[in-house]
């Protein structure tokens, strides 16, 4: 259990950061899901638009520290590859 004021403050701060980061990750997953749904429907224009909207969200997650840079790049690359393959 936290005894010092500093440790108590860290617990409060960590709880706030966890809530913020959880919502950020959820938002990013929603954008990715929109791209995947558009790919499944086979509509290239909608999929490309969804991918264009998702890319800044993914990179914002990287800059905020909730996603790993390489993982985000890999995710974006694979989604882009699937959108281009729709033809």
PDB file of N, CA and C in Angstrom:
ATOM      1  N   UNK A   1       0.848  -1.186   0.000  1.00  0.00           N
ATOM      2  CA  UNK A   1       0.000   0.000   0.000  1.00  0.00           C
ATOM      3  C   UNK A   1       0.887   1.241   0.000  1.00  0.00           C
ATOM      4  N   UNK A   2       0.408   2.274  -0.696  1.00  0.00           N
ATOM      5  CA  UNK A   2       1.189   3.501  -0.793  1.00  0.00           C
ATOM      6  C   UNK A   2       1.198   4.238   0.539  1.00  0.00           C
ATOM      7  N   UNK A   3       2.393   4.603   0.982  1.00  0.00           N
ATOM      8  CA  UNK A   3       2.527   5.305   2.251  1.00  0.00           C
ATOM      9  C   UNK A   3       2.882   6.781   2.081  1.00  0.00           C
ATOM     10  N   UNK A   4       3.678   7.082   1.090  1.00  0.00           N
ATOM     11  CA  UNK A   4       4.136   8.459   0.933  1.00  0.00           C
ATOM     12  C   UNK A   4       3.144   9.246   0.072  1.00  0.00           C
ATOM     13  N   UNK A   5       3.100  10.560   0.232  1.00  0.00           N
ATOM     14  CA  UNK A   5       2.226  11.381  -0.622  1.00  0.00           C
ATOM     15  C   UNK A   5       2.564  11.236  -2.102  1.00  0.00           C
ATOM     16  N   UNK A   6       3.854  11.091  -2.396  1.00  0.00           N
ATOM     17  CA  UNK A   6       4.272  10.937  -3.784  1.00  0.00           C
ATOM     18  C   UNK A   6       3.702   9.649  -4.380  1.00  0.00           C
ATOM     19  N   UNK A   7       3.759   8.571  -3.632  1.00  0.00           N
ATOM     20  CA  UNK A   7       3.245   7.293  -4.125  1.00  0.00           C
ATOM     21  C   UNK A   7       1.733   7.348  -4.320  1.00  0.00           C
ATOM     22  N   UNK A   8       1.041   8.036  -3.411  1.00  0.00           N
ATOM     23  CA  UNK A   8      -0.414   8.181  -3.544  1.00  0.00           C
ATOM     24  C   UNK A   8      -0.760   8.992  -4.792  1.00  0.00           C
ATOM     25  N   UNK A   9       0.020  10.025  -5.044  1.00  0.00           N
ATOM     26  CA  UNK A   9      -0.207  10.848  -6.233  1.00  0.00           C
ATOM     27  C   UNK A   9       0.047  10.035  -7.500  1.00  0.00           C
ATOM     28  N   UNK A  10       1.095   9.220  -7.494  1.00  0.00           N
ATOM     29  CA  UNK A  10       1.400   8.377  -8.651  1.00  0.00           C
ATOM     30  C   UNK A  10       0.238   7.432  -8.937  1.00  0.00           C
ATOM     31  N   UNK A  11      -0.372   6.869  -7.894  1.00  0.00           N
ATOM     32  CA  UNK A  11      -1.504   5.965  -8.082  1.00  0.00           C
ATOM     33  C   UNK A  11      -2.666   6.706  -8.744  1.00  0.00           C
ATOM     34  N   UNK A  12      -2.946   7.920  -8.263  1.00  0.00           N
ATOM     35  CA  UNK A  12      -4.026   8.717  -8.855  1.00  0.00           C
ATOM     36  C   UNK A  12      -3.724   9.053 -10.311  1.00  0.00           C
ATOM     37  N   UNK A  13      -2.489   9.461 -10.568  1.00  0.00           N
ATOM     38  CA  UNK A  13      -2.106   9.842 -11.924  1.00  0.00           C
ATOM     39  C   UNK A  13      -2.137   8.646 -12.874  1.00  0.00           C
ATOM     40  N   UNK A  14      -1.646   7.504 -12.392  1.00  0.00           N
ATOM     41  CA  UNK A  14      -1.644   6.303 -13.234  1.00  0.00           C
ATOM     42  C   UNK A  14      -3.055   5.888 -13.603  1.00  0.00           C
ATOM     43  N   UNK A  15      -3.989   6.032 -12.680  1.00  0.00           N
ATOM     44  CA  UNK A  15      -5.385   5.682 -12.967  1.00  0.00           C
ATOM     45  C   UNK A  15      -5.957   6.598 -14.047  1.00  0.00           C
ATOM     46  N   UNK A  16      -5.652   7.901 -13.960  1.00  0.00           N
ATOM     47  CA  UNK A  16      -6.130   8.841 -14.988  1.00  0.00           C
ATOM     48  C   UNK A  16      -5.517   8.519 -16.346  1.00  0.00           C
ATOM     49  N   UNK A  17      -4.213   8.258 -16.379  1.00  0.00           N
ATOM     50  CA  UNK A  17      -3.535   7.961 -17.637  1.00  0.00           C
ATOM     51  C   UNK A  17      -4.070   6.666 -18.247  1.00  0.00           C
ATOM     52  N   UNK A  18      -4.371   5.681 -17.394  1.00  0.00           N
ATOM     53  CA  UNK A  18      -4.909   4.417 -17.899  1.00  0.00           C
ATOM     54  C   UNK A  18      -6.237   4.646 -18.599  1.00  0.00           C
ATOM     55  N   UNK A  19      -7.101   5.472 -18.014  1.00  0.00           N
ATOM     56  CA  UNK A  19      -8.393   5.772 -18.635  1.00  0.00           C
ATOM     57  C   UNK A  19      -8.207   6.466 -19.982  1.00  0.00           C
ATOM     58  N   UNK A  20      -7.322   7.447 -20.032  1.00  0.00           N
ATOM     59  CA  UNK A  20      -7.088   8.186 -21.270  1.00  0.00           C
ATOM     60  C   UNK A  20      -6.516   7.262 -22.341  1.00  0.00           C
ATOM     61  N   UNK A  21      -5.521   6.470 -21.971  1.00  0.00           N
ATOM     62  CA  UNK A  21      -4.880   5.583 -22.945  1.00  0.00           C
ATOM     63  C   UNK A  21      -5.834   4.509 -23.435  1.00  0.00           C
ATOM     64  N   UNK A  22      -6.697   4.004 -22.548  1.00  0.00           N
ATOM     65  CA  UNK A  22      -7.680   2.994 -22.951  1.00  0.00           C
ATOM     66  C   UNK A  22      -8.634   3.559 -23.991  1.00  0.00           C
ATOM     67  N   UNK A  23      -9.072   4.793 -23.780  1.00  0.00           N
ATOM     68  CA  UNK A  23      -9.981   5.400 -24.756  1.00  0.00           C
ATOM     69  C   UNK A  23      -9.262   5.672 -26.075  1.00  0.00           C
ATOM     70  N   UNK A  24      -7.997   6.045 -26.025  1.00  0.00           N
ATOM     71  CA  UNK A  24      -7.225   6.261 -27.255  1.00  0.00           C
ATOM     72  C   UNK A  24      -7.117   4.970 -28.055  1.00  0.00           C
ATOM     73  N   UNK A  25      -6.773   3.884 -27.372  1.00  0.00           N
ATOM     74  CA  UNK A  25      -6.625   2.595 -28.055  1.00  0.00           C
ATOM     75  C   UNK A  25      -7.960   2.156 -28.646  1.00  0.00           C
ATOM     76  N   UNK A  26      -9.041   2.356 -27.903  1.00  0.00           N
ATOM     77  CA  UNK A  26     -10.371   1.993 -28.388  1.00  0.00           C
ATOM     78  C   UNK A  26     -10.724   2.785 -29.643  1.00  0.00           C
ATOM     79  N   UNK A  27     -10.405   4.072 -29.637  1.00  0.00           N
ATOM     80  CA  UNK A  27     -10.679   4.927 -30.801  1.00  0.00           C
ATOM     81  C   UNK A  27      -9.888   4.443 -32.019  1.00  0.00           C
ATOM     82  N   UNK A  28      -8.634   4.089 -31.820  1.00  0.00           N
ATOM     83  CA  UNK A  28      -7.805   3.599 -32.919  1.00  0.00           C
ATOM     84  C   UNK A  28      -8.378   2.291 -33.468  1.00  0.00           C
ATOM     85  N   UNK A  29      -8.786   1.402 -32.571  1.00  0.00           N
ATOM     86  CA  UNK A  29      -9.364   0.128 -33.012  1.00  0.00           C
ATOM     87  C   UNK A  29     -10.642   0.344 -33.810  1.00  0.00           C
ATOM     88  N   UNK A  30     -11.434   1.354 -33.429  1.00  0.00           N
ATOM     89  CA  UNK A  30     -12.662   1.656 -34.169  1.00  0.00           C
ATOM     90  C   UNK A  30     -12.339   2.092 -35.595  1.00  0.00           C
ATOM     91  N   UNK A  31     -11.328   2.938 -35.746  1.00  0.00           N
ATOM     92  CA  UNK A  31     -10.932   3.377 -37.082  1.00  0.00           C
ATOM     93  C   UNK A  31     -10.432   2.204 -37.916  1.00  0.00           C
ATOM     94  N   UNK A  32      -9.660   1.322 -37.312  1.00  0.00           N
ATOM     95  CA  UNK A  32      -9.150   0.149 -38.029  1.00  0.00           C
ATOM     96  C   UNK A  32     -10.307  -0.763 -38.433  1.00  0.00           C
ATOM     97  N   UNK A  33     -11.280  -0.914 -37.531  1.00  0.00           N
ATOM     98  CA  UNK A  33     -12.436  -1.762 -37.813  1.00  0.00           C
ATOM     99  C   UNK A  33     -13.225  -1.225 -39.007  1.00  0.00           C
ATOM    100  N   UNK A  34     -13.344   0.114 -39.115  1.00  0.00           N
ATOM    101  CA  UNK A  34     -14.045   0.705 -40.256  1.00  0.00           C
ATOM    102  C   UNK A  34     -13.358   0.346 -41.563  1.00  0.00           C
ATOM    103  N   UNK A  35     -12.030   0.346 -41.557  1.00  0.00           N
ATOM    104  CA  UNK A  35     -11.282  -0.029 -42.764  1.00  0.00           C
ATOM    105  C   UNK A  35     -11.530  -1.493 -43.097  1.00  0.00           C
ATOM    106  N   UNK A  36     -11.479  -2.358 -42.092  1.00  0.00           N
ATOM    107  CA  UNK A  36     -11.661  -3.788 -42.328  1.00  0.00           C
ATOM    108  C   UNK A  36     -13.072  -4.099 -42.830  1.00  0.00           C
ATOM    109  N   UNK A  37     -14.071  -3.415 -42.289  1.00  0.00           N
ATOM    110  CA  UNK A  37     -15.451  -3.618 -42.752  1.00  0.00           C
ATOM    111  C   UNK A  37     -15.585  -3.170 -44.201  1.00  0.00           C
ATOM    112  N   UNK A  38     -14.966  -2.046 -44.560  1.00  0.00           N
ATOM    113  CA  UNK A  38     -15.011  -1.565 -45.941  1.00  0.00           C
ATOM    114  C   UNK A  38     -14.304  -2.535 -46.884  1.00  0.00           C
ATOM    115  N   UNK A  39     -13.213  -3.120 -46.425  1.00  0.00           N
ATOM    116  CA  UNK A  39     -12.498  -4.108 -47.244  1.00  0.00           C
ATOM    117  C   UNK A  39     -13.372  -5.337 -47.456  1.00  0.00           C
ATOM    118  N   UNK A  40     -14.037  -5.782 -46.398  1.00  0.00           N
ATOM    119  CA  UNK A  40     -14.905  -6.958 -46.507  1.00  0.00           C
ATOM    120  C   UNK A  40     -16.068  -6.701 -47.467  1.00  0.00           C
ATOM    121  N   UNK A  41     -16.581  -5.467 -47.484  1.00  0.00           N
ATOM    122  CA  UNK A  41     -17.694  -5.153 -48.388  1.00  0.00           C
ATOM    123  C   UNK A  41     -17.223  -5.065 -49.838  1.00  0.00           C
ATOM    124  N   UNK A  42     -15.929  -4.867 -50.050  1.00  0.00           N
ATOM    125  CA  UNK A  42     -15.376  -4.837 -51.399  1.00  0.00           C
ATOM    126  C   UNK A  42     -15.425  -3.476 -52.067  1.00  0.00           C
ATOM    127  N   UNK A  43     -15.755  -2.426 -51.317  1.00  0.00           N
ATOM    128  CA  UNK A  43     -15.834  -1.080 -51.886  1.00  0.00           C
ATOM    129  C   UNK A  43     -14.490  -0.379 -51.710  1.00  0.00           C
ATOM    130  N   UNK A  44     -13.770  -0.242 -52.818  1.00  0.00           N
ATOM    131  CA  UNK A  44     -12.404   0.288 -52.733  1.00  0.00           C
ATOM    132  C   UNK A  44     -12.381   1.754 -52.323  1.00  0.00           C
ATOM    133  N   UNK A  45     -13.327   2.573 -52.835  1.00  0.00           N
ATOM    134  CA  UNK A  45     -13.332   4.000 -52.507  1.00  0.00           C
ATOM    135  C   UNK A  45     -13.572   4.222 -51.015  1.00  0.00           C
ATOM    136  N   UNK A  46     -14.550   3.503 -50.468  1.00  0.00           N
ATOM    137  CA  UNK A  46     -14.857   3.639 -49.036  1.00  0.00           C
ATOM    138  C   UNK A  46     -13.682   3.146 -48.197  1.00  0.00           C
ATOM    139  N   UNK A  47     -13.083   2.030 -48.617  1.00  0.00           N
ATOM    140  CA  UNK A  47     -11.945   1.473 -47.888  1.00  0.00           C
ATOM    141  C   UNK A  47     -10.757   2.443 -47.914  1.00  0.00           C
ATOM    142  N   UNK A  48     -10.511   3.055 -49.064  1.00  0.00           N
ATOM    143  CA  UNK A  48      -9.400   3.997 -49.177  1.00  0.00           C
ATOM    144  C   UNK A  48      -9.645   5.232 -48.306  1.00  0.00           C
ATOM    145  N   UNK A  49     -10.891   5.705 -48.289  1.00  0.00           N
ATOM    146  CA  UNK A  49     -11.226   6.864 -47.452  1.00  0.00           C
ATOM    147  C   UNK A  49     -11.077   6.527 -45.969  1.00  0.00           C
ATOM    148  N   UNK A  50     -11.531   5.334 -45.596  1.00  0.00           N
ATOM    149  CA  UNK A  50     -11.419   4.904 -44.199  1.00  0.00           C
ATOM    150  C   UNK A  50      -9.955   4.748 -43.796  1.00  0.00           C
ATOM    151  N   UNK A  51      -9.141   4.236 -44.714  1.00  0.00           N
ATOM    152  CA  UNK A  51      -7.714   4.077 -44.439  1.00  0.00           C
ATOM    153  C   UNK A  51      -7.045   5.437 -44.281  1.00  0.00           C
ATOM    154  N   UNK A  52      -7.439   6.392 -45.111  1.00  0.00           N
ATOM    155  CA  UNK A  52      -6.876   7.738 -45.031  1.00  0.00           C
ATOM    156  C   UNK A  52      -7.244   8.400 -43.708  1.00  0.00           C
ATOM    157  N   UNK A  53      -8.431   8.088 -43.177  1.00  0.00           N
ATOM    158  CA  UNK A  53      -8.843   8.625 -41.876  1.00  0.00           C
ATOM    159  C   UNK A  53      -8.152   7.902 -40.732  1.00  0.00           C
ATOM    160  N   UNK A  54      -7.861   6.619 -40.911  1.00  0.00           N
ATOM    161  CA  UNK A  54      -7.272   5.810 -39.839  1.00  0.00           C
ATOM    162  C   UNK A  54      -5.784   6.096 -39.651  1.00  0.00           C
ATOM    163  N   UNK A  55      -5.092   6.431 -40.720  1.00  0.00           N
ATOM    164  CA  UNK A  55      -3.642   6.605 -40.645  1.00  0.00           C
ATOM    165  C   UNK A  55      -3.211   7.674 -39.644  1.00  0.00           C
ATOM    166  N   UNK A  56      -3.819   8.873 -39.639  1.00  0.00           N
ATOM    167  CA  UNK A  56      -3.401   9.859 -38.629  1.00  0.00           C
ATOM    168  C   UNK A  56      -3.720   9.424 -37.204  1.00  0.00           C
ATOM    169  N   UNK A  57      -4.821   8.692 -37.036  1.00  0.00           N
ATOM    170  CA  UNK A  57      -5.168   8.203 -35.698  1.00  0.00           C
ATOM    171  C   UNK A  57      -4.132   7.209 -35.202  1.00  0.00           C
ATOM    172  N   UNK A  58      -3.698   6.322 -36.091  1.00  0.00           N
ATOM    173  CA  UNK A  58      -2.687   5.330 -35.712  1.00  0.00           C
ATOM    174  C   UNK A  58      -1.384   6.033 -35.336  1.00  0.00           C
ATOM    175  N   UNK A  59      -0.976   7.002 -36.151  1.00  0.00           N
ATOM    176  CA  UNK A  59       0.272   7.717 -35.866  1.00  0.00           C
ATOM    177  C   UNK A  59       0.157   8.581 -34.613  1.00  0.00           C
ATOM    178  N   UNK A  60      -1.028   9.097 -34.342  1.00  0.00           N
ATOM    179  CA  UNK A  60      -1.228   9.856 -33.101  1.00  0.00           C
ATOM    180  C   UNK A  60      -1.050   8.933 -31.897  1.00  0.00           C
ATOM    181  N   UNK A  61      -1.507   7.693 -32.028  1.00  0.00           N
ATOM    182  CA  UNK A  61      -1.300   6.720 -30.963  1.00  0.00           C
ATOM    183  C   UNK A  61       0.174   6.455 -30.717  1.00  0.00           C
ATOM    184  N   UNK A  62       0.953   6.456 -31.797  1.00  0.00           N
ATOM    185  CA  UNK A  62       2.403   6.264 -31.662  1.00  0.00           C
ATOM    186  C   UNK A  62       3.015   7.453 -30.921  1.00  0.00           C
ATOM    187  N   UNK A  63       2.634   8.664 -31.326  1.00  0.00           N
ATOM    188  CA  UNK A  63       3.234   9.851 -30.707  1.00  0.00           C
ATOM    189  C   UNK A  63       2.833   9.990 -29.249  1.00  0.00           C
ATOM    190  N   UNK A  64       1.651   9.488 -28.885  1.00  0.00           N
ATOM    191  CA  UNK A  64       1.199   9.549 -27.494  1.00  0.00           C
ATOM    192  C   UNK A  64       1.753   8.399 -26.660  1.00  0.00           C
ATOM    193  N   UNK A  65       2.375   7.427 -27.314  1.00  0.00           N
ATOM    194  CA  UNK A  65       3.024   6.350 -26.583  1.00  0.00           C
ATOM    195  C   UNK A  65       2.149   5.163 -26.261  1.00  0.00           C
ATOM    196  N   UNK A  66       0.972   5.061 -26.889  1.00  0.00           N
ATOM    197  CA  UNK A  66       0.111   3.911 -26.599  1.00  0.00           C
ATOM    198  C   UNK A  66       0.318   2.780 -27.597  1.00  0.00           C
ATOM    199  N   UNK A  67       0.977   3.074 -28.722  1.00  0.00           N
ATOM    200  CA  UNK A  67       1.281   2.055 -29.719  1.00  0.00           C
ATOM    201  C   UNK A  67       2.771   2.078 -30.031  1.00  0.00           C
ATOM    202  N   UNK A  68       3.294   0.917 -30.361  1.00  0.00           N
ATOM    203  CA  UNK A  68       4.673   0.818 -30.814  1.00  0.00           C
ATOM    204  C   UNK A  68       4.769   1.269 -32.264  1.00  0.00           C
ATOM    205  N   UNK A  69       5.815   1.996 -32.602  1.00  0.00           N
ATOM    206  CA  UNK A  69       5.961   2.567 -33.938  1.00  0.00           C
ATOM    207  C   UNK A  69       5.975   1.492 -35.023  1.00  0.00           C
ATOM    208  N   UNK A  70       6.736   0.440 -34.806  1.00  0.00           N
ATOM    209  CA  UNK A  70       6.836  -0.617 -35.821  1.00  0.00           C
ATOM    210  C   UNK A  70       5.525  -1.370 -35.970  1.00  0.00           C
ATOM    211  N   UNK A  71       4.825  -1.581 -34.859  1.00  0.00           N
ATOM    212  CA  UNK A  71       3.540  -2.269 -34.923  1.00  0.00           C
ATOM    213  C   UNK A  71       2.535  -1.434 -35.714  1.00  0.00           C
ATOM    214  N   UNK A  72       2.533  -0.121 -35.488  1.00  0.00           N
ATOM    215  CA  UNK A  72       1.620   0.765 -36.200  1.00  0.00           C
ATOM    216  C   UNK A  72       1.941   0.784 -37.695  1.00  0.00           C
ATOM    217  N   UNK A  73       3.209   0.847 -38.038  1.00  0.00           N
ATOM    218  CA  UNK A  73       3.614   0.836 -39.441  1.00  0.00           C
ATOM    219  C   UNK A  73       3.228  -0.472 -40.112  1.00  0.00           C
ATOM    220  N   UNK A  74       3.423  -1.560 -39.406  1.00  0.00           N
ATOM    221  CA  UNK A  74       3.062  -2.878 -39.945  1.00  0.00           C
ATOM    222  C   UNK A  74       1.556  -2.973 -40.171  1.00  0.00           C
ATOM    223  N   UNK A  75       0.781  -2.496 -39.201  1.00  0.00           N
ATOM    224  CA  UNK A  75      -0.682  -2.524 -39.309  1.00  0.00           C
ATOM    225  C   UNK A  75      -1.146  -1.698 -40.504  1.00  0.00           C
ATOM    226  N   UNK A  76      -0.606  -0.489 -40.631  1.00  0.00           N
ATOM    227  CA  UNK A  76      -0.991   0.377 -41.734  1.00  0.00           C
ATOM    228  C   UNK A  76      -0.590  -0.228 -43.077  1.00  0.00           C
ATOM    229  N   UNK A  77       0.599  -0.793 -43.134  1.00  0.00           N
ATOM    230  CA  UNK A  77       1.078  -1.398 -44.373  1.00  0.00           C
ATOM    231  C   UNK A  77       0.190  -2.559 -44.806  1.00  0.00           C
ATOM    232  N   UNK A  78      -0.198  -3.400 -43.866  1.00  0.00           N
ATOM    233  CA  UNK A  78      -1.032  -4.556 -44.200  1.00  0.00           C
ATOM    234  C   UNK A  78      -2.433  -4.127 -44.632  1.00  0.00           C
ATOM    235  N   UNK A  79      -2.973  -3.107 -43.958  1.00  0.00           N
ATOM    236  CA  UNK A  79      -4.291  -2.602 -44.369  1.00  0.00           C
ATOM    237  C   UNK A  79      -4.209  -1.996 -45.768  1.00  0.00           C
ATOM    238  N   UNK A  80      -3.157  -1.228 -46.018  1.00  0.00           N
ATOM    239  CA  UNK A  80      -2.973  -0.590 -47.326  1.00  0.00           C
ATOM    240  C   UNK A  80      -2.855  -1.647 -48.416  1.00  0.00           C
ATOM    241  N   UNK A  81      -2.126  -2.695 -48.146  1.00  0.00           N
ATOM    242  CA  UNK A  81      -1.948  -3.780 -49.104  1.00  0.00           C
ATOM    243  C   UNK A  81      -3.286  -4.432 -49.458  1.00  0.00           C
ATOM    244  N   UNK A  82      -4.142  -4.595 -48.435  1.00  0.00           N
ATOM    245  CA  UNK A  82      -5.459  -5.194 -48.676  1.00  0.00           C
ATOM    246  C   UNK A  82      -6.364  -4.259 -49.463  1.00  0.00           C
ATOM    247  N   UNK A  83      -6.260  -2.947 -49.209  1.00  0.00           N
ATOM    248  CA  UNK A  83      -7.088  -1.975 -49.947  1.00  0.00           C
ATOM    249  C   UNK A  83      -6.659  -1.943 -51.412  1.00  0.00           C
ATOM    250  N   UNK A  84      -5.350  -1.917 -51.654  1.00  0.00           N
ATOM    251  CA  UNK A  84      -4.842  -1.884 -53.043  1.00  0.00           C
ATOM    252  C   UNK A  84      -5.243  -3.153 -53.785  1.00  0.00           C
ATOM    253  N   UNK A  85      -5.284  -4.279 -53.106  1.00  0.00           N
ATOM    254  CA  UNK A  85      -5.614  -5.554 -53.743  1.00  0.00           C
ATOM    255  C   UNK A  85      -7.083  -5.650 -54.132  1.00  0.00           C
ATOM    256  N   UNK A  86      -7.923  -4.755 -53.621  1.00  0.00           N
ATOM    257  CA  UNK A  86      -9.346  -4.813 -53.981  1.00  0.00           C
ATOM    258  C   UNK A  86      -9.549  -4.620 -55.474  1.00  0.00           C
ATOM    259  N   UNK A  87      -8.758  -3.739 -56.072  1.00  0.00           N
ATOM    260  CA  UNK A  87      -8.813  -3.506 -57.506  1.00  0.00           C
ATOM    261  C   UNK A  87     -10.106  -3.141 -58.003  1.00  0.00           C
TER     262      UNK A  87
END
